[in-house]
N, C-alpha and C. Protein backbone atom coordinates (compact mmCIF):
# COMPACT_ATOMS: atom_id res chain seq x y z
N UNK A 1 4.11 31.26 37.33
CA UNK A 1 6.33 30.47 36.67
C UNK A 1 7.08 31.70 37.04
N UNK A 2 7.99 32.31 37.44
CA UNK A 2 9.04 33.21 37.73
C UNK A 2 9.90 32.91 35.99
N UNK A 3 10.37 34.75 36.09
CA UNK A 3 11.18 34.72 34.30
C UNK A 3 12.22 34.44 35.12
N UNK A 4 13.10 34.52 36.52
CA UNK A 4 14.12 33.52 36.44
C UNK A 4 13.91 31.95 36.25
N UNK A 5 12.62 31.34 36.21
CA UNK A 5 13.11 30.38 36.66
C UNK A 5 12.87 29.39 35.03
N UNK A 6 12.17 30.86 33.94
CA UNK A 6 12.15 30.38 32.64
C UNK A 6 13.53 30.40 32.03
N UNK A 7 14.02 31.19 32.60
CA UNK A 7 15.06 32.12 31.53
C UNK A 7 15.80 30.23 32.00
N UNK A 8 16.06 29.86 33.57
CA UNK A 8 16.80 28.71 33.55
C UNK A 8 17.06 28.09 32.47
N UNK A 9 15.78 27.45 32.75
CA UNK A 9 15.23 26.72 31.49
C UNK A 9 16.30 26.65 30.46
N UNK A 10 16.45 28.48 29.57
CA UNK A 10 16.40 28.18 28.13
C UNK A 10 17.53 29.31 28.45
N UNK A 11 18.62 28.60 29.55
CA UNK A 11 19.83 29.16 28.62
C UNK A 11 20.55 28.40 29.55
N UNK A 12 21.48 27.59 28.46
CA UNK A 12 22.35 26.99 28.63
C UNK A 12 23.45 27.08 29.66
N UNK A 13 23.10 26.05 30.52
CA UNK A 13 24.34 25.69 31.47
C UNK A 13 25.38 25.45 30.37
N UNK A 14 26.54 25.05 29.98
CA UNK A 14 27.48 25.14 29.66
C UNK A 14 28.05 26.45 29.04
N UNK A 15 27.41 27.05 27.92
CA UNK A 15 27.91 28.25 27.38
C UNK A 15 26.67 29.50 27.67
N UNK A 16 26.16 29.84 28.38
CA UNK A 16 24.81 30.46 28.80
C UNK A 16 24.36 30.74 27.25
N UNK A 17 24.70 30.38 26.50
CA UNK A 17 23.40 31.11 25.28
C UNK A 17 21.78 30.45 25.64
N UNK A 18 21.35 31.87 25.04
CA UNK A 18 19.50 32.12 25.69
C UNK A 18 19.41 32.07 24.16
N UNK A 19 18.07 31.04 24.90
CA UNK A 19 17.27 30.13 23.73
C UNK A 19 15.32 30.41 24.43
N UNK A 20 14.62 30.26 22.38
CA UNK A 20 13.39 31.73 22.89
C UNK A 20 12.51 30.42 23.94
N UNK A 21 13.05 28.97 23.07
CA UNK A 21 12.43 27.85 23.51
C UNK A 21 12.93 26.42 23.91
N UNK A 22 12.29 25.60 24.92
CA UNK A 22 13.41 24.38 25.85
C UNK A 22 13.01 24.31 24.30
N UNK A 23 12.57 23.75 22.91
CA UNK A 23 13.37 23.86 21.88
C UNK A 23 14.46 22.96 21.50
N UNK A 24 14.25 24.89 21.28
CA UNK A 24 15.97 24.94 21.25
C UNK A 24 16.48 24.68 21.78
N UNK A 25 16.74 24.60 22.88
CA UNK A 25 17.23 25.30 24.22
C UNK A 25 17.83 23.64 24.28
N UNK A 26 16.55 22.14 23.79
CA UNK A 26 17.73 21.34 23.43
C UNK A 26 18.07 20.25 21.85
N UNK A 27 18.10 20.81 21.04
CA UNK A 27 18.21 21.09 20.07
C UNK A 27 20.49 21.63 20.29
N UNK A 28 20.06 22.48 21.18
CA UNK A 28 21.58 23.53 21.27
C UNK A 28 22.41 22.10 22.45
N UNK A 29 22.06 21.00 23.26
CA UNK A 29 22.58 21.03 23.14
C UNK A 29 23.00 19.11 22.96
N UNK A 30 22.10 18.62 22.59
CA UNK A 30 22.93 17.62 21.65
C UNK A 30 23.82 17.72 21.17
N UNK A 31 23.63 19.20 20.15
CA UNK A 31 24.64 19.86 19.40
C UNK A 31 25.89 19.04 20.78
N UNK A 32 25.85 20.40 21.15
CA UNK A 32 27.19 20.35 22.43
C UNK A 32 27.77 19.32 22.75
N UNK A 33 26.40 18.30 22.43
CA UNK A 33 26.98 17.37 23.59
C UNK A 33 28.27 16.36 22.60
N UNK A 34 27.28 16.42 21.20
CA UNK A 34 27.69 15.76 20.14
C UNK A 34 29.56 17.24 20.00
N UNK A 35 29.45 17.68 20.24
CA UNK A 35 30.67 18.85 20.13
C UNK A 35 31.88 17.59 21.49
N UNK A 36 31.14 17.93 22.48
CA UNK A 36 31.40 18.12 23.45
C UNK A 36 32.65 16.46 23.13
N UNK A 37 31.56 15.18 23.60
CA UNK A 37 33.00 13.78 22.24
C UNK A 37 33.57 14.05 21.55
N UNK A 38 33.30 15.31 20.21
CA UNK A 38 34.98 15.05 18.90
C UNK A 38 36.27 15.53 19.98
N UNK A 39 35.17 16.57 20.55
CA UNK A 39 36.78 16.91 21.27
C UNK A 39 37.39 16.09 22.25
N UNK A 40 36.73 14.70 22.60
CA UNK A 40 37.97 14.38 23.52
C UNK A 40 37.88 13.35 22.89
N UNK A 41 37.76 12.65 21.76
CA UNK A 41 37.72 12.32 21.02
C UNK A 41 39.49 12.31 20.92
N UNK A 42 39.61 14.24 19.75
CA UNK A 42 41.04 14.29 19.96
C UNK A 42 42.03 14.48 20.63
N UNK A 43 41.51 14.43 22.05
CA UNK A 43 42.20 14.78 22.74
C UNK A 43 42.96 13.29 23.97
N UNK A 44 41.82 12.87 23.09
CA UNK A 44 42.62 10.92 23.68
C UNK A 44 43.70 11.12 22.41
N UNK A 45 43.31 11.23 21.31
CA UNK A 45 44.58 11.07 19.71
C UNK A 45 45.56 12.02 20.07
N UNK A 46 45.04 12.69 20.71
CA UNK A 46 46.53 13.55 20.62
C UNK A 46 47.70 13.62 20.92
């Protein structure tokens, strides 16, 4: 497995934050999705 692939797996496509494990990345992506939904709702209400 190349180090480049590992970096891709553990970095957030949205913000570029790098995580030491896929689990950490998954937790982060869940939060990002929740935040995105909140922002979408705010935009619709504004």
